[in-house]
PDB file of all heavy atoms in Angstrom:
ATOM      1  N   ALA A   1      59.512  84.689  60.249  1.00  0.00           N
ATOM      2  CA  ALA A   1      59.395  85.623  61.385  1.00  0.00           C
ATOM      3  C   ALA A   1      58.219  85.183  62.288  1.00  0.00           C
ATOM      4  O   ALA A   1      58.157  85.626  63.436  1.00  0.00           O
ATOM      5  CB  ALA A   1      59.114  87.000  60.844  1.00  0.00           C
ATOM      6  N   TYR A   2      57.303  84.366  61.770  1.00  0.00           N
ATOM      7  CA  TYR A   2      56.165  83.946  62.560  1.00  0.00           C
ATOM      8  C   TYR A   2      56.248  82.465  63.054  1.00  0.00           C
ATOM      9  O   TYR A   2      55.273  81.900  63.548  1.00  0.00           O
ATOM     10  CB  TYR A   2      54.832  84.154  61.729  1.00  0.00           C
ATOM     11  CG  TYR A   2      54.569  85.602  61.494  1.00  0.00           C
ATOM     12  CD1 TYR A   2      54.866  86.193  60.279  1.00  0.00           C
ATOM     13  CD2 TYR A   2      53.937  86.371  62.479  1.00  0.00           C
ATOM     14  CE1 TYR A   2      54.592  87.493  60.046  1.00  0.00           C
ATOM     15  CE2 TYR A   2      53.660  87.713  62.205  1.00  0.00           C
ATOM     16  CZ  TYR A   2      53.983  88.256  61.064  1.00  0.00           C
ATOM     17  OH  TYR A   2      53.718  89.608  60.806  1.00  0.00           O
ATOM     18  N   ASP A   3      57.419  81.926  62.906  1.00  0.00           N
ATOM     19  CA  ASP A   3      57.638  80.515  63.408  1.00  0.00           C
ATOM     20  C   ASP A   3      57.264  80.476  64.907  1.00  0.00           C
ATOM     21  O   ASP A   3      57.403  81.414  65.623  1.00  0.00           O
ATOM     22  CB  ASP A   3      59.072  80.099  63.264  1.00  0.00           C
ATOM     23  CG  ASP A   3      59.458  79.768  61.818  1.00  0.00           C
ATOM     24  OD1 ASP A   3      58.590  79.601  60.967  1.00  0.00           O
ATOM     25  OD2 ASP A   3      60.686  79.753  61.529  1.00  0.00           O
ATOM     26  N   TYR A   4      56.859  79.258  65.308  1.00  0.00           N
ATOM     27  CA  TYR A   4      56.586  79.073  66.753  1.00  0.00           C
ATOM     28  C   TYR A   4      57.880  78.658  67.393  1.00  0.00           C
ATOM     29  O   TYR A   4      58.517  77.649  67.094  1.00  0.00           O
ATOM     30  CB  TYR A   4      55.501  77.990  66.982  1.00  0.00           C
ATOM     31  CG  TYR A   4      55.239  77.872  68.493  1.00  0.00           C
ATOM     32  CD1 TYR A   4      54.530  78.827  69.181  1.00  0.00           C
ATOM     33  CD2 TYR A   4      55.642  76.734  69.182  1.00  0.00           C
ATOM     34  CE1 TYR A   4      54.311  78.640  70.557  1.00  0.00           C
ATOM     35  CE2 TYR A   4      55.417  76.556  70.498  1.00  0.00           C
ATOM     36  CZ  TYR A   4      54.710  77.573  71.187  1.00  0.00           C
ATOM     37  OH  TYR A   4      54.460  77.467  72.539  1.00  0.00           O
ATOM     38  N   ILE A   5      58.285  79.398  68.440  1.00  0.00           N
ATOM     39  CA  ILE A   5      59.449  79.083  69.244  1.00  0.00           C
ATOM     40  C   ILE A   5      58.988  78.723  70.669  1.00  0.00           C
ATOM     41  O   ILE A   5      58.328  79.494  71.364  1.00  0.00           O
ATOM     42  CB  ILE A   5      60.400  80.244  69.310  1.00  0.00           C
ATOM     43  CG1 ILE A   5      60.916  80.602  67.864  1.00  0.00           C
ATOM     44  CG2 ILE A   5      61.630  79.906  70.164  1.00  0.00           C
ATOM     45  CD1 ILE A   5      61.832  81.763  67.858  1.00  0.00           C
ATOM     46  N   PHE A   6      59.344  77.513  71.062  1.00  0.00           N
ATOM     47  CA  PHE A   6      58.878  76.998  72.404  1.00  0.00           C
ATOM     48  C   PHE A   6      59.429  77.906  73.480  1.00  0.00           C
ATOM     49  O   PHE A   6      60.561  78.245  73.498  1.00  0.00           O
ATOM     50  CB  PHE A   6      59.400  75.580  72.585  1.00  0.00           C
ATOM     51  CG  PHE A   6      58.496  74.531  71.971  1.00  0.00           C
ATOM     52  CD1 PHE A   6      58.525  74.327  70.572  1.00  0.00           C
ATOM     53  CD2 PHE A   6      57.698  73.712  72.725  1.00  0.00           C
ATOM     54  CE1 PHE A   6      57.743  73.382  70.000  1.00  0.00           C
ATOM     55  CE2 PHE A   6      56.938  72.726  72.158  1.00  0.00           C
ATOM     56  CZ  PHE A   6      56.891  72.550  70.757  1.00  0.00           C
ATOM     57  N   PRO A   7      58.504  78.177  74.466  1.00  0.00           N
ATOM     58  CA  PRO A   7      58.994  78.860  75.658  1.00  0.00           C
ATOM     59  C   PRO A   7      59.754  77.896  76.533  1.00  0.00           C
ATOM     60  O   PRO A   7      60.002  76.774  76.116  1.00  0.00           O
ATOM     61  CB  PRO A   7      57.690  79.310  76.291  1.00  0.00           C
ATOM     62  CG  PRO A   7      56.697  78.198  75.907  1.00  0.00           C
ATOM     63  CD  PRO A   7      57.127  77.870  74.475  1.00  0.00           C
ATOM     64  N   SER A   8      60.077  78.261  77.745  1.00  0.00           N
ATOM     65  CA  SER A   8      60.698  77.352  78.703  1.00  0.00           C
ATOM     66  C   SER A   8      59.658  76.148  78.932  1.00  0.00           C
ATOM     67  O   SER A   8      58.592  76.310  79.378  1.00  0.00           O
ATOM     68  CB  SER A   8      60.961  78.042  79.988  1.00  0.00           C
ATOM     69  OG  SER A   8      61.491  77.125  80.909  1.00  0.00           O
ATOM     70  N   PHE A   9      60.147  74.931  78.441  1.00  0.00           N
ATOM     71  CA  PHE A   9      59.163  73.840  78.407  1.00  0.00           C
ATOM     72  C   PHE A   9      59.885  72.526  78.474  1.00  0.00           C
ATOM     73  O   PHE A   9      60.863  72.291  77.752  1.00  0.00           O
ATOM     74  CB  PHE A   9      58.284  73.940  77.140  1.00  0.00           C
ATOM     75  CG  PHE A   9      57.201  72.911  77.138  1.00  0.00           C
ATOM     76  CD1 PHE A   9      56.057  73.108  77.887  1.00  0.00           C
ATOM     77  CD2 PHE A   9      57.312  71.739  76.412  1.00  0.00           C
ATOM     78  CE1 PHE A   9      55.059  72.119  77.827  1.00  0.00           C
ATOM     79  CE2 PHE A   9      56.297  70.781  76.356  1.00  0.00           C
ATOM     80  CZ  PHE A   9      55.155  70.978  77.108  1.00  0.00           C
ATOM     81  N   ALA A  10      59.435  71.592  79.314  1.00  0.00           N
ATOM     82  CA  ALA A  10      59.999  70.233  79.360  1.00  0.00           C
ATOM     83  C   ALA A  10      58.876  69.233  79.098  1.00  0.00           C
ATOM     84  O   ALA A  10      57.765  69.371  79.682  1.00  0.00           O
ATOM     85  CB  ALA A  10      60.685  69.983  80.688  1.00  0.00           C
ATOM     86  N   LEU A  11      59.167  68.201  78.292  1.00  0.00           N
ATOM     87  CA  LEU A  11      58.156  67.217  77.944  1.00  0.00           C
ATOM     88  C   LEU A  11      58.615  65.865  78.509  1.00  0.00           C
ATOM     89  O   LEU A  11      59.683  65.340  78.127  1.00  0.00           O
ATOM     90  CB  LEU A  11      57.969  67.135  76.428  1.00  0.00           C
ATOM     91  CG  LEU A  11      56.829  66.276  75.888  1.00  0.00           C
ATOM     92  CD1 LEU A  11      55.521  66.770  76.397  1.00  0.00           C
ATOM     93  CD2 LEU A  11      56.837  66.290  74.381  1.00  0.00           C
ATOM     94  N   ALA A  12      57.838  65.284  79.344  1.00  0.00           N
ATOM     95  CA  ALA A  12      58.160  63.990  80.006  1.00  0.00           C
ATOM     96  C   ALA A  12      58.203  62.843  79.037  1.00  0.00           C
ATOM     97  O   ALA A  12      57.534  62.968  77.891  1.00  0.00           O
ATOM     98  CB  ALA A  12      57.174  63.664  81.121  1.00  0.00           C
ATOM     99  N   SER A  13      58.891  61.845  79.293  1.00  0.00           N
ATOM    100  CA  SER A  13      58.997  60.628  78.432  1.00  0.00           C
ATOM    101  C   SER A  13      57.597  60.033  78.175  1.00  0.00           C
ATOM    102  O   SER A  13      56.815  59.921  79.089  1.00  0.00           O
ATOM    103  CB  SER A  13      59.866  59.568  79.070  1.00  0.00           C
ATOM    104  OG  SER A  13      59.799  58.346  78.387  1.00  0.00           O
ATOM    105  N   GLY A  14      57.253  59.889  76.883  1.00  0.00           N
ATOM    106  CA  GLY A  14      55.952  59.325  76.523  1.00  0.00           C
ATOM    107  C   GLY A  14      54.816  60.266  76.510  1.00  0.00           C
ATOM    108  O   GLY A  14      53.698  59.943  76.123  1.00  0.00           O
ATOM    109  N   SER A  15      55.073  61.505  76.931  1.00  0.00           N
ATOM    110  CA  SER A  15      53.950  62.513  76.987  1.00  0.00           C
ATOM    111  C   SER A  15      53.822  63.275  75.705  1.00  0.00           C
ATOM    112  O   SER A  15      54.755  63.247  74.847  1.00  0.00           O
ATOM    113  CB  SER A  15      54.257  63.499  78.136  1.00  0.00           C
ATOM    114  OG  SER A  15      54.189  62.894  79.416  1.00  0.00           O
ATOM    115  N   LYS A  16      52.736  63.952  75.583  1.00  0.00           N
ATOM    116  CA  LYS A  16      52.356  64.677  74.354  1.00  0.00           C
ATOM    117  C   LYS A  16      52.012  66.144  74.761  1.00  0.00           C
ATOM    118  O   LYS A  16      51.461  66.384  75.823  1.00  0.00           O
ATOM    119  CB  LYS A  16      51.290  64.068  73.572  1.00  0.00           C
ATOM    120  CG  LYS A  16      51.576  62.681  73.124  1.00  0.00           C
ATOM    121  CD  LYS A  16      50.367  62.022  72.382  1.00  0.00           C
ATOM    122  CE  LYS A  16      50.647  60.615  71.870  1.00  0.00           C
ATOM    123  NZ  LYS A  16      49.530  59.974  71.259  1.00  0.00           N
ATOM    124  N   VAL A  17      52.311  67.029  73.824  1.00  0.00           N
ATOM    125  CA  VAL A  17      51.858  68.433  73.996  1.00  0.00           C
ATOM    126  C   VAL A  17      51.188  68.875  72.658  1.00  0.00           C
ATOM    127  O   VAL A  17      51.682  68.500  71.641  1.00  0.00           O
ATOM    128  CB  VAL A  17      52.998  69.365  74.390  1.00  0.00           C
ATOM    129  CG1 VAL A  17      54.044  69.402  73.325  1.00  0.00           C
ATOM    130  CG2 VAL A  17      52.511  70.771  74.685  1.00  0.00           C
ATOM    131  N   VAL A  18      50.077  69.511  72.829  1.00  0.00           N
ATOM    132  CA  VAL A  18      49.325  70.006  71.574  1.00  0.00           C
ATOM    133  C   VAL A  18      49.666  71.499  71.436  1.00  0.00           C
ATOM    134  O   VAL A  18      49.347  72.302  72.361  1.00  0.00           O
ATOM    135  CB  VAL A  18      47.842  69.771  71.730  1.00  0.00           C
ATOM    136  CG1 VAL A  18      47.144  70.359  70.459  1.00  0.00           C
ATOM    137  CG2 VAL A  18      47.596  68.298  71.855  1.00  0.00           C
ATOM    138  N   VAL A  19      50.190  71.871  70.261  1.00  0.00           N
ATOM    139  CA  VAL A  19      50.464  73.322  69.969  1.00  0.00           C
ATOM    140  C   VAL A  19      49.276  73.822  69.172  1.00  0.00           C
ATOM    141  O   VAL A  19      49.027  73.342  68.018  1.00  0.00           O
ATOM    142  CB  VAL A  19      51.781  73.518  69.224  1.00  0.00           C
ATOM    143  CG1 VAL A  19      51.992  74.962  68.889  1.00  0.00           C
ATOM    144  CG2 VAL A  19      52.944  72.951  70.050  1.00  0.00           C
ATOM    145  N   HIS A  20      48.473  74.749  69.691  1.00  0.00           N
ATOM    146  CA  HIS A  20      47.321  75.252  69.052  1.00  0.00           C
ATOM    147  C   HIS A  20      47.677  76.471  68.166  1.00  0.00           C
ATOM    148  O   HIS A  20      48.184  77.442  68.632  1.00  0.00           O
ATOM    149  CB  HIS A  20      46.267  75.669  70.121  1.00  0.00           C
ATOM    150  CG  HIS A  20      45.872  74.536  70.992  1.00  0.00           C
ATOM    151  ND1 HIS A  20      44.763  73.754  70.719  1.00  0.00           N
ATOM    152  CD2 HIS A  20      46.391  74.085  72.193  1.00  0.00           C
ATOM    153  CE1 HIS A  20      44.616  72.853  71.703  1.00  0.00           C
ATOM    154  NE2 HIS A  20      45.579  73.060  72.618  1.00  0.00           N
ATOM    155  N   VAL A  21      47.366  76.315  66.873  1.00  0.00           N
ATOM    156  CA  VAL A  21      47.813  77.255  65.882  1.00  0.00           C
ATOM    157  C   VAL A  21      46.799  78.393  65.773  1.00  0.00           C
ATOM    158  O   VAL A  21      45.591  78.170  65.694  1.00  0.00           O
ATOM    159  CB  VAL A  21      47.975  76.601  64.495  1.00  0.00           C
ATOM    160  CG1 VAL A  21      48.482  77.620  63.457  1.00  0.00           C
ATOM    161  CG2 VAL A  21      48.998  75.477  64.618  1.00  0.00           C
ATOM    162  N   ARG A  22      47.277  79.665  65.768  1.00  0.00           N
ATOM    163  CA  ARG A  22      46.436  80.869  65.713  1.00  0.00           C
ATOM    164  C   ARG A  22      45.393  80.826  66.800  1.00  0.00           C
ATOM    165  O   ARG A  22      44.216  81.152  66.546  1.00  0.00           O
ATOM    166  CB  ARG A  22      45.866  81.046  64.316  1.00  0.00           C
ATOM    167  CG  ARG A  22      46.848  81.289  63.248  1.00  0.00           C
ATOM    168  CD  ARG A  22      46.187  81.697  61.960  1.00  0.00           C
ATOM    169  NE  ARG A  22      45.635  83.024  61.964  1.00  0.00           N
ATOM    170  CZ  ARG A  22      44.931  83.589  61.000  1.00  0.00           C
ATOM    171  NH1 ARG A  22      44.709  82.893  59.887  1.00  0.00           N
ATOM    172  NH2 ARG A  22      44.414  84.761  61.101  1.00  0.00           N
ATOM    173  N   SER A  23      45.789  80.502  68.003  1.00  0.00           N
ATOM    174  CA  SER A  23      44.841  80.379  69.086  1.00  0.00           C
ATOM    175  C   SER A  23      45.469  80.986  70.331  1.00  0.00           C
ATOM    176  O   SER A  23      46.698  80.935  70.498  1.00  0.00           O
ATOM    177  CB  SER A  23      44.479  78.891  69.316  1.00  0.00           C
ATOM    178  OG  SER A  23      43.572  78.754  70.374  1.00  0.00           O
ATOM    179  N   VAL A  24      44.623  81.493  71.228  1.00  0.00           N
ATOM    180  CA  VAL A  24      45.123  82.161  72.421  1.00  0.00           C
ATOM    181  C   VAL A  24      44.636  81.366  73.633  1.00  0.00           C
ATOM    182  O   VAL A  24      43.482  80.908  73.703  1.00  0.00           O
ATOM    183  CB  VAL A  24      44.643  83.599  72.584  1.00  0.00           C
ATOM    184  CG1 VAL A  24      45.075  84.238  73.840  1.00  0.00           C
ATOM    185  CG2 VAL A  24      45.153  84.413  71.370  1.00  0.00           C
ATOM    186  N   GLY A  25      45.527  81.145  74.632  1.00  0.00           N
ATOM    187  CA  GLY A  25      45.118  80.421  75.810  1.00  0.00           C
ATOM    188  C   GLY A  25      46.307  80.422  76.777  1.00  0.00           C
ATOM    189  O   GLY A  25      47.348  81.009  76.595  1.00  0.00           O
ATOM    190  N   ALA A  26      46.051  79.749  77.934  1.00  0.00           N
ATOM    191  CA  ALA A  26      47.069  79.646  78.971  1.00  0.00           C
ATOM    192  C   ALA A  26      47.949  78.400  78.751  1.00  0.00           C
ATOM    193  O   ALA A  26      47.410  77.259  78.691  1.00  0.00           O
ATOM    194  CB  ALA A  26      46.409  79.601  80.353  1.00  0.00           C
ATOM    195  N   ASN A  27      49.255  78.586  78.540  1.00  0.00           N
ATOM    196  CA  ASN A  27      50.126  77.473  78.302  1.00  0.00           C
ATOM    197  C   ASN A  27      50.102  76.564  79.556  1.00  0.00           C
ATOM    198  O   ASN A  27      50.011  77.030  80.667  1.00  0.00           O
ATOM    199  CB  ASN A  27      51.548  77.964  78.111  1.00  0.00           C
ATOM    200  CG  ASN A  27      51.714  78.611  76.702  1.00  0.00           C
ATOM    201  OD1 ASN A  27      50.913  78.426  75.832  1.00  0.00           O
ATOM    202  ND2 ASN A  27      52.786  79.396  76.578  1.00  0.00           N
ATOM    203  N   SER A  28      50.258  75.276  79.257  1.00  0.00           N
ATOM    204  CA  SER A  28      50.271  74.287  80.356  1.00  0.00           C
ATOM    205  C   SER A  28      51.178  73.146  79.920  1.00  0.00           C
ATOM    206  O   SER A  28      51.848  73.172  78.854  1.00  0.00           O
ATOM    207  CB  SER A  28      48.883  73.733  80.584  1.00  0.00           C
ATOM    208  OG  SER A  28      48.448  72.923  79.521  1.00  0.00           O
ATOM    209  N   ALA A  29      51.253  72.064  80.715  1.00  0.00           N
ATOM    210  CA  ALA A  29      52.069  70.946  80.414  1.00  0.00           C
ATOM    211  C   ALA A  29      51.586  70.151  79.225  1.00  0.00           C
ATOM    212  O   ALA A  29      52.341  69.380  78.608  1.00  0.00           O
ATOM    213  CB  ALA A  29      52.214  70.006  81.619  1.00  0.00           C
ATOM    214  N   THR A  30      50.318  70.304  78.895  1.00  0.00           N
ATOM    215  CA  THR A  30      49.714  69.557  77.799  1.00  0.00           C
ATOM    216  C   THR A  30      49.278  70.431  76.563  1.00  0.00           C
ATOM    217  O   THR A  30      49.035  69.847  75.505  1.00  0.00           O
ATOM    218  CB  THR A  30      48.427  68.846  78.281  1.00  0.00           C
ATOM    219  OG1 THR A  30      47.522  69.770  78.860  1.00  0.00           O
ATOM    220  CG2 THR A  30      48.819  67.790  79.323  1.00  0.00           C
ATOM    221  N   ASP A  31      49.190  71.736  76.796  1.00  0.00           N
ATOM    222  CA  ASP A  31      48.740  72.644  75.698  1.00  0.00           C
ATOM    223  C   ASP A  31      49.575  73.907  75.664  1.00  0.00           C
ATOM    224  O   ASP A  31      49.817  74.570  76.670  1.00  0.00           O
ATOM    225  CB  ASP A  31      47.293  73.040  75.926  1.00  0.00           C
ATOM    226  CG  ASP A  31      46.403  71.787  75.820  1.00  0.00           C
ATOM    227  OD1 ASP A  31      45.920  71.486  74.707  1.00  0.00           O
ATOM    228  OD2 ASP A  31      46.099  71.174  76.909  1.00  0.00           O
ATOM    229  N   LEU A  32      50.013  74.180  74.428  1.00  0.00           N
ATOM    230  CA  LEU A  32      50.770  75.457  74.186  1.00  0.00           C
ATOM    231  C   LEU A  32      50.002  76.251  73.089  1.00  0.00           C
ATOM    232  O   LEU A  32      49.377  75.619  72.278  1.00  0.00           O
ATOM    233  CB  LEU A  32      52.166  75.188  73.720  1.00  0.00           C
ATOM    234  CG  LEU A  32      53.032  74.504  74.740  1.00  0.00           C
ATOM    235  CD1 LEU A  32      54.433  74.117  74.150  1.00  0.00           C
ATOM    236  CD2 LEU A  32      53.320  75.398  76.003  1.00  0.00           C
ATOM    237  N   TYR A  33      50.134  77.572  73.140  1.00  0.00           N
ATOM    238  CA  TYR A  33      49.388  78.431  72.194  1.00  0.00           C
ATOM    239  C   TYR A  33      50.276  79.268  71.323  1.00  0.00           C
ATOM    240  O   TYR A  33      51.175  79.907  71.786  1.00  0.00           O
ATOM    241  CB  TYR A  33      48.344  79.231  72.941  1.00  0.00           C
ATOM    242  CG  TYR A  33      47.282  78.364  73.619  1.00  0.00           C
ATOM    243  CD1 TYR A  33      47.519  77.772  74.873  1.00  0.00           C
ATOM    244  CD2 TYR A  33      46.098  78.094  72.951  1.00  0.00           C
ATOM    245  CE1 TYR A  33      46.601  76.926  75.426  1.00  0.00           C
ATOM    246  CE2 TYR A  33      45.151  77.250  73.521  1.00  0.00           C
ATOM    247  CZ  TYR A  33      45.422  76.687  74.761  1.00  0.00           C
ATOM    248  OH  TYR A  33      44.461  75.790  75.302  1.00  0.00           O
ATOM    249  N   TRP A  34      49.940  79.229  70.065  1.00  0.00           N
ATOM    250  CA  TRP A  34      50.743  79.961  69.029  1.00  0.00           C
ATOM    251  C   TRP A  34      49.793  81.039  68.425  1.00  0.00           C
ATOM    252  O   TRP A  34      49.069  80.739  67.467  1.00  0.00           O
ATOM    253  CB  TRP A  34      51.153  78.953  67.927  1.00  0.00           C
ATOM    254  CG  TRP A  34      52.004  79.383  66.832  1.00  0.00           C
ATOM    255  CD1 TRP A  34      52.432  80.628  66.520  1.00  0.00           C
ATOM    256  CD2 TRP A  34      52.496  78.491  65.809  1.00  0.00           C
ATOM    257  NE1 TRP A  34      53.167  80.610  65.335  1.00  0.00           N
ATOM    258  CE2 TRP A  34      53.217  79.303  64.899  1.00  0.00           C
ATOM    259  CE3 TRP A  34      52.365  77.160  65.531  1.00  0.00           C
ATOM    260  CZ2 TRP A  34      53.844  78.793  63.786  1.00  0.00           C
ATOM    261  CZ3 TRP A  34      52.985  76.633  64.408  1.00  0.00           C
ATOM    262  CH2 TRP A  34      53.707  77.433  63.513  1.00  0.00           C
ATOM    263  N   PRO A  35      49.711  82.202  68.997  1.00  0.00           N
ATOM    264  CA  PRO A  35      48.703  83.156  68.676  1.00  0.00           C
ATOM    265  C   PRO A  35      48.831  83.839  67.300  1.00  0.00           C
ATOM    266  O   PRO A  35      47.870  84.237  66.694  1.00  0.00           O
ATOM    267  CB  PRO A  35      48.781  84.183  69.749  1.00  0.00           C
ATOM    268  CG  PRO A  35      50.145  84.125  70.242  1.00  0.00           C
ATOM    269  CD  PRO A  35      50.543  82.712  70.134  1.00  0.00           C
ATOM    270  N   ASP A  36      50.098  83.995  66.815  1.00  0.00           N
ATOM    271  CA  ASP A  36      50.269  84.835  65.625  1.00  0.00           C
ATOM    272  C   ASP A  36      51.111  84.108  64.587  1.00  0.00           C
ATOM    273  O   ASP A  36      52.287  83.714  64.809  1.00  0.00           O
ATOM    274  CB  ASP A  36      51.007  86.121  65.997  1.00  0.00           C
ATOM    275  CG  ASP A  36      51.085  87.131  64.886  1.00  0.00           C
ATOM    276  OD1 ASP A  36      50.484  86.824  63.799  1.00  0.00           O
ATOM    277  OD2 ASP A  36      51.718  88.145  65.059  1.00  0.00           O
ATOM    278  N   THR A  37      50.519  83.822  63.451  1.00  0.00           N
ATOM    279  CA  THR A  37      51.257  83.233  62.338  1.00  0.00           C
ATOM    280  C   THR A  37      51.300  84.182  61.121  1.00  0.00           C
ATOM    281  O   THR A  37      51.540  83.652  59.988  1.00  0.00           O
ATOM    282  CB  THR A  37      50.555  81.882  61.899  1.00  0.00           C
ATOM    283  OG1 THR A  37      49.231  82.180  61.426  1.00  0.00           O
ATOM    284  CG2 THR A  37      50.458  80.924  63.058  1.00  0.00           C
ATOM    285  N   GLY A  38      51.025  85.394  61.327  1.00  0.00           N
ATOM    286  CA  GLY A  38      50.967  86.352  60.199  1.00  0.00           C
ATOM    287  C   GLY A  38      49.768  86.092  59.382  1.00  0.00           C
ATOM    288  O   GLY A  38      49.813  86.212  58.164  1.00  0.00           O
ATOM    289  N   SER A  39      48.626  85.627  60.012  1.00  0.00           N
ATOM    290  CA  SER A  39      47.374  85.371  59.316  1.00  0.00           C
ATOM    291  C   SER A  39      47.456  84.177  58.302  1.00  0.00           C
ATOM    292  O   SER A  39      46.682  84.192  57.392  1.00  0.00           O
ATOM    293  CB  SER A  39      46.834  86.620  58.592  1.00  0.00           C
ATOM    294  OG  SER A  39      46.660  87.719  59.521  1.00  0.00           O
ATOM    295  N   VAL A  40      48.337  83.323  58.546  1.00  0.00           N
ATOM    296  CA  VAL A  40      48.536  82.173  57.640  1.00  0.00           C
ATOM    297  C   VAL A  40      48.085  80.880  58.395  1.00  0.00           C
ATOM    298  O   VAL A  40      48.506  80.629  59.544  1.00  0.00           O
ATOM    299  CB  VAL A  40      50.024  81.965  57.221  1.00  0.00           C
ATOM    300  CG1 VAL A  40      50.197  80.733  56.357  1.00  0.00           C
ATOM    301  CG2 VAL A  40      50.429  83.168  56.470  1.00  0.00           C
ATOM    302  N   ASN A  41      47.229  80.031  57.736  1.00  0.00           N
ATOM    303  CA  ASN A  41      46.868  78.746  58.248  1.00  0.00           C
ATOM    304  C   ASN A  41      47.627  77.662  57.551  1.00  0.00           C
ATOM    305  O   ASN A  41      48.193  77.873  56.510  1.00  0.00           O
ATOM    306  CB  ASN A  41      45.325  78.466  58.112  1.00  0.00           C
ATOM    307  CG  ASN A  41      44.502  79.505  58.922  1.00  0.00           C
ATOM    308  OD1 ASN A  41      44.881  79.792  60.100  1.00  0.00           O
ATOM    309  ND2 ASN A  41      43.449  79.992  58.351  1.00  0.00           N
ATOM    310  N   MET A  42      47.559  76.502  58.127  1.00  0.00           N
ATOM    311  CA  MET A  42      48.183  75.347  57.436  1.00  0.00           C
ATOM    312  C   MET A  42      47.359  74.967  56.133  1.00  0.00           C
ATOM    313  O   MET A  42      46.153  75.251  56.094  1.00  0.00           O
ATOM    314  CB  MET A  42      48.258  74.084  58.344  1.00  0.00           C
ATOM    315  CG  MET A  42      49.311  74.215  59.490  1.00  0.00           C
ATOM    316  SD  MET A  42      49.528  72.721  60.423  1.00  0.00           S
ATOM    317  CE  MET A  42      48.102  72.774  61.432  1.00  0.00           C
TER     318      MET A  42
END
C-alpha cells in the first residue's frame, strides 16, 4: 500500500532521476520525493 508510484514523468535517454525515500520536496526532472512508506526504511 506504500509502494512508490511514479507521477506523470518522462526520463530522457541517458538521464537519471533520484527518488528520495521518506522525504518531502518539490518534484523535478532530476528528483522525485516519496514521502510516506508506512514508517519503513530500507
